[in-house]
């Protein structure tokens, strides 16, 4: 199966199935000398861990990171970093009743069409549990980027009908609710809407907003490897994601170029944009 690797200089390859013995990732291209421990990775995995609230999958997993290679005496060696997260609560028997049924919104049918075989226990590689490897790799990338003065922040901007109000956003409260919404009022609205959906045996979608600060100009290439194209590919490869917007996104279709273009000025002799409709790209 191709398509499990992303990146060139900093390259990650995720592996494992939802109901296999474990999930993991191999990170290649991380420079030597970066301080790294399992605790650094665990902090990110703990935020993703299932079963922490009424509103997520009730599968119970410790999701404990184990670094198997690429780190010596608390620092990266420059060799491939291999990380394993064991599965401990597969409960494959729960899927016996639907082993011959194609579930809507899943890759069941396309797996059969492409390979002639599929892992019906939670979706195998197409399960959302595959993202554990991405989170573990992201923990390393985040630490490396901080060394370079680049920071990344993501949060839930909307859950169903509940939307964070920019005037109420307080990032110090973001981890005080299970939705990671930095607006306490919207978080409460999201909880009420989610409970109603659960009560009717339904679910809801949402919107995640991500900002990157400190990234220098010139990242990416002119054509097929544009930065926004690479970002969109990475995000769209997550099963539940159905749209990606950079900057003003689809709203630019309703404006003229004179309103949308980000013109330049200089600050201390450095070119900077007066506006950010393009989202920094």
Protein backbone atom coordinates (compact mmCIF):
# COMPACT_ATOMS: atom_id res chain seq x y z
CA UNK A 1 0.00 0.00 0.00
CA UNK A 2 1.51 3.29 -1.11
CA UNK A 3 0.61 6.70 0.28
CA UNK A 4 1.72 6.31 3.90
CA UNK A 5 4.63 8.77 3.64
CA UNK A 6 4.50 12.57 3.67
CA UNK A 7 7.28 15.12 3.33
CA UNK A 8 10.75 15.21 1.80
CA UNK A 9 13.27 16.92 4.09
CA UNK A 10 11.33 16.10 7.27
CA UNK A 11 9.63 12.87 6.23
CA UNK A 12 7.08 10.84 8.17
CA UNK A 13 5.74 7.36 7.49
CA UNK A 14 2.79 6.18 9.56
CA UNK A 15 1.99 2.51 9.99
CA UNK A 16 -0.42 0.18 11.78
CA UNK A 17 -4.12 -0.58 11.85
CA UNK A 18 -6.91 0.44 14.19
CA UNK A 19 -7.20 -3.08 15.63
CA UNK A 20 -3.65 -4.30 15.13
CA UNK A 21 -1.06 -4.60 17.89
CA UNK A 22 -0.13 -0.98 17.64
CA UNK A 23 0.11 2.27 15.68
CA UNK A 24 3.28 4.11 14.94
CA UNK A 25 5.39 6.45 12.86
CA UNK A 26 8.93 6.69 11.55
CA UNK A 27 10.33 10.21 11.33
CA UNK A 28 13.30 10.70 9.03
CA UNK A 29 15.17 13.97 8.56
CA UNK A 30 15.10 15.31 12.11
CA UNK A 31 18.55 16.81 12.77
CA UNK A 32 20.79 15.52 15.53
CA UNK A 33 21.00 17.23 18.89
CA UNK A 34 17.32 18.10 19.42
CA UNK A 35 16.34 17.41 23.06
CA UNK A 36 13.53 14.83 22.88
CA UNK A 37 11.88 12.47 25.36
CA UNK A 38 8.76 10.34 25.37
CA UNK A 39 7.22 12.95 27.68
CA UNK A 40 7.45 15.55 24.90
CA UNK A 41 5.42 13.30 22.61
CA UNK A 42 3.02 12.16 25.32
CA UNK A 43 1.81 15.70 25.97
CA UNK A 44 0.45 15.83 22.41
CA UNK A 45 -0.98 12.30 22.46
CA UNK A 46 -2.82 13.01 25.72
CA UNK A 47 -4.78 15.80 24.03
CA UNK A 48 -5.80 13.44 21.24
CA UNK A 49 -6.50 10.40 23.44
CA UNK A 50 -9.99 8.85 23.05
CA UNK A 51 -12.49 8.26 25.82
CA UNK A 52 -11.79 11.51 27.68
CA UNK A 53 -15.30 12.89 27.41
CA UNK A 54 -18.86 12.03 26.48
CA UNK A 55 -18.35 13.63 23.08
CA UNK A 56 -15.61 11.41 21.64
CA UNK A 57 -15.23 7.72 20.86
CA UNK A 58 -15.53 5.70 24.07
CA UNK A 59 -12.63 3.43 23.17
CA UNK A 60 -10.24 3.41 26.14
CA UNK A 61 -6.57 3.64 25.23
CA UNK A 62 -3.57 4.84 27.22
CA UNK A 63 -1.86 5.85 23.95
CA UNK A 64 1.55 5.64 25.58
CA UNK A 65 4.42 6.65 23.31
CA UNK A 66 7.51 4.44 23.11
CA UNK A 67 10.60 5.75 21.30
CA UNK A 68 12.37 2.75 19.78
CA UNK A 69 15.16 4.46 17.85
CA UNK A 70 16.78 7.74 16.90
CA UNK A 71 17.25 9.13 20.42
CA UNK A 72 20.27 8.69 22.70
CA UNK A 73 20.68 10.22 26.15
CA UNK A 74 17.71 12.51 25.61
CA UNK A 75 18.76 13.91 22.23
CA UNK A 76 18.05 12.97 18.64
CA UNK A 77 20.89 11.25 16.79
CA UNK A 78 19.94 12.25 13.25
CA UNK A 79 18.87 8.67 12.49
CA UNK A 80 15.23 7.67 11.82
CA UNK A 81 13.07 8.09 14.91
CA UNK A 82 10.67 5.17 15.35
CA UNK A 83 7.72 5.59 17.72
CA UNK A 84 5.29 2.85 18.78
CA UNK A 85 1.92 3.37 20.47
CA UNK A 86 0.43 -0.02 21.49
CA UNK A 87 -3.28 -0.76 21.04
CA UNK A 88 -4.82 -2.16 24.21
CA UNK A 89 -8.61 -1.78 23.79
CA UNK A 90 -9.38 -3.06 20.30
CA UNK A 91 -12.63 -4.94 21.06
CA UNK A 92 -12.72 -6.38 17.52
CA UNK A 93 -15.80 -8.43 18.41
CA UNK A 94 -17.82 -5.21 18.39
CA UNK A 95 -17.54 -5.16 14.59
CA UNK A 96 -18.66 -8.74 13.91
CA UNK A 97 -22.24 -7.70 13.18
CA UNK A 98 -21.22 -5.28 10.42
CA UNK A 99 -18.40 -7.24 8.79
CA UNK A 100 -20.48 -7.63 5.61
CA UNK A 101 -21.94 -4.11 5.62
CA UNK A 102 -20.46 -1.05 3.91
CA UNK A 103 -20.70 1.85 6.34
CA UNK A 104 -21.56 5.31 5.00
CA UNK A 105 -18.76 7.84 5.39
CA UNK A 106 -16.10 5.10 5.57
CA UNK A 107 -13.66 3.52 3.11
CA UNK A 108 -15.19 0.03 3.36
CA UNK A 109 -16.44 -0.20 -0.22
CA UNK A 110 -13.39 1.42 -1.83
CA UNK A 111 -11.05 -0.91 0.09
CA UNK A 112 -12.90 -3.91 -1.33
CA UNK A 113 -12.93 -2.37 -4.80
CA UNK A 114 -9.20 -1.59 -4.77
CA UNK A 115 -7.65 -4.49 -2.83
CA UNK A 116 -10.31 -7.19 -2.77
CA UNK A 117 -9.86 -7.37 1.00
CA UNK A 118 -10.52 -5.05 3.92
CA UNK A 119 -10.08 -4.97 7.65
CA UNK A 120 -13.65 -4.47 8.89
CA UNK A 121 -12.45 -4.02 12.49
CA UNK A 122 -12.64 -0.27 12.79
CA UNK A 123 -11.54 0.43 9.24
CA UNK A 124 -7.92 -0.71 9.43
CA UNK A 125 -5.61 1.92 7.91
CA UNK A 126 -8.55 4.17 7.04
CA UNK A 127 -9.49 4.54 10.71
CA UNK A 128 -9.13 7.88 12.42
CA UNK A 129 -6.75 6.09 14.76
CA UNK A 130 -4.11 6.34 12.03
CA UNK A 131 -3.71 10.00 12.99
CA UNK A 132 -1.89 8.96 16.19
CA UNK A 133 1.27 8.58 14.15
CA UNK A 134 0.81 12.07 12.72
CA UNK A 135 0.35 13.53 16.20
CA UNK A 136 3.51 11.86 17.46
CA UNK A 137 5.47 13.15 14.46
CA UNK A 138 3.87 16.56 14.92
CA UNK A 139 5.16 16.69 18.49
CA UNK A 140 8.71 16.33 17.16
CA UNK A 141 8.09 18.84 14.35
CA UNK A 142 6.63 21.33 16.83
CA UNK A 143 9.66 21.11 19.09
CA UNK A 144 12.02 21.48 16.14
CA UNK A 145 10.11 24.49 14.82
CA UNK A 146 10.24 26.20 18.21
CA UNK A 147 14.02 25.96 18.03
CA UNK A 148 13.72 27.95 14.80
CA UNK A 149 11.32 30.52 16.25
CA UNK A 150 8.21 29.12 14.58
CA UNK A 151 5.06 28.41 16.62
CA UNK A 152 1.86 26.61 15.60
CA UNK A 153 -1.52 26.96 17.31
CA UNK A 154 -4.78 25.21 16.41
CA UNK A 155 -8.20 25.37 18.02
CA UNK A 156 -11.85 24.55 17.38
CA UNK A 157 -13.44 27.58 15.79
CA UNK A 158 -16.85 25.93 15.40
CA UNK A 159 -18.63 22.77 16.54
CA UNK A 160 -21.97 22.31 14.81
CA UNK A 161 -23.92 25.56 15.26
CA UNK A 162 -21.61 26.84 18.03
CA UNK A 163 -18.99 29.33 16.80
CA UNK A 164 -16.21 31.03 18.74
CA UNK A 165 -16.70 34.79 18.94
CA UNK A 166 -13.41 36.64 18.24
CA UNK A 167 -14.29 39.17 20.94
CA UNK A 168 -14.50 36.38 23.57
CA UNK A 169 -11.48 34.29 22.60
CA UNK A 170 -9.23 33.54 25.56
CA UNK A 171 -6.57 30.93 24.85
CA UNK A 172 -5.92 30.43 28.56
CA UNK A 173 -9.33 28.68 28.75
CA UNK A 174 -8.92 26.52 25.64
CA UNK A 175 -8.10 23.31 27.52
CA UNK A 176 -10.84 23.83 30.09
CA UNK A 177 -13.42 22.16 27.83
CA UNK A 178 -13.43 18.92 25.78
CA UNK A 179 -13.78 20.79 22.48
CA UNK A 180 -10.59 22.88 22.80
CA UNK A 181 -12.59 26.02 22.09
CA UNK A 182 -11.01 29.24 23.43
CA UNK A 183 -14.46 30.76 23.87
CA UNK A 184 -16.17 29.44 27.06
CA UNK A 185 -19.62 30.57 25.90
CA UNK A 186 -19.32 28.81 22.54
CA UNK A 187 -17.90 25.73 24.27
CA UNK A 188 -21.03 25.48 26.41
CA UNK A 189 -23.21 25.89 23.33
CA UNK A 190 -21.21 23.15 21.61
CA UNK A 191 -21.74 20.82 24.57
CA UNK A 192 -25.50 21.34 24.47
CA UNK A 193 -25.64 20.78 20.70
CA UNK A 194 -23.46 17.67 20.95
CA UNK A 195 -25.63 16.18 23.70
CA UNK A 196 -28.68 16.71 21.52
CA UNK A 197 -26.96 14.98 18.59
CA UNK A 198 -25.93 12.05 20.77
CA UNK A 199 -29.47 11.81 22.09
CA UNK A 200 -30.73 11.38 18.54
CA UNK A 201 -27.87 8.96 17.71
CA UNK A 202 -26.29 11.47 15.34
CA UNK A 203 -23.08 13.45 15.08
CA UNK A 204 -21.85 16.91 14.07
CA UNK A 205 -19.04 18.51 12.13
CA UNK A 206 -16.83 21.43 13.00
CA UNK A 207 -14.13 23.86 11.92
CA UNK A 208 -10.51 23.96 13.14
CA UNK A 209 -8.47 27.13 12.75
CA UNK A 210 -4.68 26.94 12.66
CA UNK A 211 -2.15 29.79 12.74
CA UNK A 212 1.60 29.63 12.19
CA UNK A 213 3.79 32.46 13.45
CA UNK A 214 7.43 33.15 12.67
CA UNK A 215 7.66 31.19 9.42
CA UNK A 216 10.13 32.88 7.02
CA UNK A 217 9.26 33.66 3.41
CA UNK A 218 10.35 31.32 0.65
CA UNK A 219 9.11 27.97 1.97
CA UNK A 220 7.71 25.70 -0.73
CA UNK A 221 8.22 25.62 -4.50
CA UNK A 222 6.58 27.51 -7.39
CA UNK A 223 4.29 24.89 -8.95
CA UNK A 224 3.06 21.53 -7.64
CA UNK A 225 4.83 21.90 -4.30
CA UNK A 226 3.42 25.29 -3.30
CA UNK A 227 3.17 25.62 0.47
CA UNK A 228 -0.61 26.00 0.43
CA UNK A 229 -0.88 22.94 -1.81
CA UNK A 230 1.27 20.86 0.53
CA UNK A 231 -0.68 22.03 3.57
CA UNK A 232 -3.99 21.29 1.86
CA UNK A 233 -2.83 17.80 0.89
CA UNK A 234 -1.70 17.02 4.43
CA UNK A 235 -4.94 18.20 6.00
CA UNK A 236 -7.26 16.75 3.35
CA UNK A 237 -5.64 13.33 3.82
CA UNK A 238 -7.35 13.16 7.23
CA UNK A 239 -10.50 11.14 6.63
CA UNK A 240 -13.02 13.49 8.21
CA UNK A 241 -11.74 16.68 6.54
CA UNK A 242 -13.78 17.86 3.55
CA UNK A 243 -12.54 21.41 2.97
CA UNK A 244 -9.43 23.53 3.50
CA UNK A 245 -9.30 27.34 3.38
CA UNK A 246 -6.14 29.44 3.34
CA UNK A 247 -6.60 33.02 4.54
CA UNK A 248 -9.99 34.32 3.42
CA UNK A 249 -10.58 31.08 1.53
CA UNK A 250 -13.77 30.84 -0.50
CA UNK A 251 -14.74 34.38 0.48
CA UNK A 252 -12.28 35.77 -2.06
CA UNK A 253 -14.78 34.75 -4.77
CA UNK A 254 -17.04 37.53 -3.51
CA UNK A 255 -14.43 40.30 -3.62
CA UNK A 256 -12.48 42.25 -6.21
CA UNK A 257 -8.74 42.09 -6.57
CA UNK A 258 -8.39 45.60 -5.18
CA UNK A 259 -10.06 44.38 -1.98
CA UNK A 260 -8.32 41.02 -1.75
CA UNK A 261 -4.73 41.68 -2.78
CA UNK A 262 -2.24 42.07 0.07
CA UNK A 263 -0.07 45.06 -0.81
CA UNK A 264 3.43 45.54 0.63
CA UNK A 265 5.11 48.10 2.81
CA UNK A 266 8.40 48.00 4.71
CA UNK A 267 9.13 47.84 8.43
CA UNK A 268 12.75 48.40 9.41
CA UNK A 269 13.68 47.79 5.79
CA UNK A 270 11.91 44.42 5.63
CA UNK A 271 8.98 43.87 3.20
CA UNK A 272 5.72 43.11 5.05
CA UNK A 273 2.12 42.90 3.94
CA UNK A 274 -0.41 45.52 5.03
CA UNK A 275 -3.21 42.94 5.16
CA UNK A 276 -3.42 39.16 5.35
CA UNK A 277 -6.24 38.03 3.08
CA UNK A 278 -3.90 35.40 1.63
CA UNK A 279 -3.29 33.86 5.02
CA UNK A 280 0.43 34.52 4.93
CA UNK A 281 1.00 32.52 1.75
